[in-house]
Amino acid sequence: MRRRSEPHTFEQRLDAQKLRLEHAMAGLPNGMERDVVATRIEQLQTAAEMYNFLMLPGGAAGPR
């Protein structure tokens, strides 16, 4: 029977994807494809910041 790996947190998955894209972007010449990857990296950073904000005690996700 296969052993399941430990589940990764949302933050870990965002970080891993960001690192993959940064690595890919390093090999791209200036141009449209590089701009698309840079935009995706910015979106991942924004998602991480929003997640952190919502998970703060007493933050926007707290009881009303």
C-alpha atoms as a PDB file:
ATOM      1  CA  MET A   1       0.000   0.000   0.000  1.00  0.00           C
ATOM      2  CA  ARG A   2       1.252   3.462  -0.877  1.00  0.00           C
ATOM      3  CA  ARG A   3       2.099   5.789   1.933  1.00  0.00           C
ATOM      4  CA  ARG A   4       0.557   9.233   1.692  1.00  0.00           C
ATOM      5  CA  SER A   5       2.820  12.218   2.071  1.00  0.00           C
ATOM      6  CA  GLU A   6       2.179  14.864   4.673  1.00  0.00           C
ATOM      7  CA  PRO A   7      -0.306  17.460   3.470  1.00  0.00           C
ATOM      8  CA  HIS A   8       1.169  20.831   2.667  1.00  0.00           C
ATOM      9  CA  THR A   9      -0.326  24.021   4.010  1.00  0.00           C
ATOM     10  CA  PHE A  10      -1.722  26.687   1.737  1.00  0.00           C
ATOM     11  CA  GLU A  11       1.258  28.906   2.552  1.00  0.00           C
ATOM     12  CA  GLN A  12       3.723  26.151   1.670  1.00  0.00           C
ATOM     13  CA  ARG A  13       2.033  25.548  -1.671  1.00  0.00           C
ATOM     14  CA  LEU A  14       2.081  29.284  -2.469  1.00  0.00           C
ATOM     15  CA  ASP A  15       5.777  29.502  -1.582  1.00  0.00           C
ATOM     16  CA  ALA A  16       6.637  26.420  -3.662  1.00  0.00           C
ATOM     17  CA  GLN A  17       4.783  27.761  -6.692  1.00  0.00           C
ATOM     18  CA  LYS A  18       6.427  31.168  -6.291  1.00  0.00           C
ATOM     19  CA  LEU A  19       9.885  29.560  -6.174  1.00  0.00           C
ATOM     20  CA  ARG A  20       9.133  27.486  -9.295  1.00  0.00           C
ATOM     21  CA  LEU A  21       8.008  30.573 -11.185  1.00  0.00           C
ATOM     22  CA  GLU A  22      11.007  32.635 -10.042  1.00  0.00           C
ATOM     23  CA  HIS A  23      13.294  29.854 -11.253  1.00  0.00           C
ATOM     24  CA  ALA A  24      11.493  29.710 -14.593  1.00  0.00           C
ATOM     25  CA  MET A  25      11.574  33.495 -14.949  1.00  0.00           C
ATOM     26  CA  ALA A  26      15.345  33.560 -14.452  1.00  0.00           C
ATOM     27  CA  GLY A  27      15.776  31.720 -17.748  1.00  0.00           C
ATOM     28  CA  LEU A  28      13.354  33.815 -19.766  1.00  0.00           C
ATOM     29  CA  PRO A  29      14.393  36.742 -21.938  1.00  0.00           C
ATOM     30  CA  ASN A  30      12.651  40.090 -21.540  1.00  0.00           C
ATOM     31  CA  GLY A  31       9.301  39.966 -23.251  1.00  0.00           C
ATOM     32  CA  MET A  32       5.661  39.063 -22.924  1.00  0.00           C
ATOM     33  CA  GLU A  33       6.152  35.567 -21.458  1.00  0.00           C
ATOM     34  CA  ARG A  34       8.449  36.932 -18.735  1.00  0.00           C
ATOM     35  CA  ASP A  35       5.887  39.658 -17.945  1.00  0.00           C
ATOM     36  CA  VAL A  36       3.148  37.030 -17.582  1.00  0.00           C
ATOM     37  CA  VAL A  37       5.292  35.026 -15.138  1.00  0.00           C
ATOM     38  CA  ALA A  38       6.149  38.196 -13.180  1.00  0.00           C
ATOM     39  CA  THR A  39       2.449  39.051 -12.936  1.00  0.00           C
ATOM     40  CA  ARG A  40       1.680  35.549 -11.650  1.00  0.00           C
ATOM     41  CA  ILE A  41       4.401  35.902  -8.995  1.00  0.00           C
ATOM     42  CA  GLU A  42       2.836  39.185  -7.861  1.00  0.00           C
ATOM     43  CA  GLN A  43      -0.572  37.474  -7.659  1.00  0.00           C
ATOM     44  CA  LEU A  44       0.871  34.714  -5.497  1.00  0.00           C
ATOM     45  CA  GLN A  45       2.456  37.302  -3.191  1.00  0.00           C
ATOM     46  CA  THR A  46      -0.874  39.118  -2.899  1.00  0.00           C
ATOM     47  CA  ALA A  47      -2.649  35.844  -2.130  1.00  0.00           C
ATOM     48  CA  ALA A  48      -0.125  35.086   0.631  1.00  0.00           C
ATOM     49  CA  GLU A  49      -0.587  38.553   2.135  1.00  0.00           C
ATOM     50  CA  MET A  50      -4.388  38.252   2.041  1.00  0.00           C
ATOM     51  CA  TYR A  51      -4.234  34.800   3.633  1.00  0.00           C
ATOM     52  CA  ASN A  52      -1.969  36.073   6.412  1.00  0.00           C
ATOM     53  CA  PHE A  53      -4.284  39.026   7.031  1.00  0.00           C
ATOM     54  CA  LEU A  54      -7.355  36.817   7.244  1.00  0.00           C
ATOM     55  CA  MET A  55      -5.665  34.340   9.570  1.00  0.00           C
ATOM     56  CA  LEU A  56      -4.547  36.975  12.094  1.00  0.00           C
ATOM     57  CA  PRO A  57      -6.303  36.715  15.460  1.00  0.00           C
ATOM     58  CA  GLY A  58      -8.943  39.420  15.563  1.00  0.00           C
ATOM     59  CA  GLY A  59      -8.469  40.096  11.849  1.00  0.00           C
ATOM     60  CA  ALA A  60     -11.152  40.332   9.226  1.00  0.00           C
ATOM     61  CA  ALA A  61     -12.062  36.647   9.688  1.00  0.00           C
ATOM     62  CA  GLY A  62     -12.813  37.112  13.390  1.00  0.00           C
ATOM     63  CA  PRO A  63     -16.308  36.931  14.873  1.00  0.00           C
ATOM     64  CA  ARG A  64     -18.564  39.928  14.389  1.00  0.00           C
END
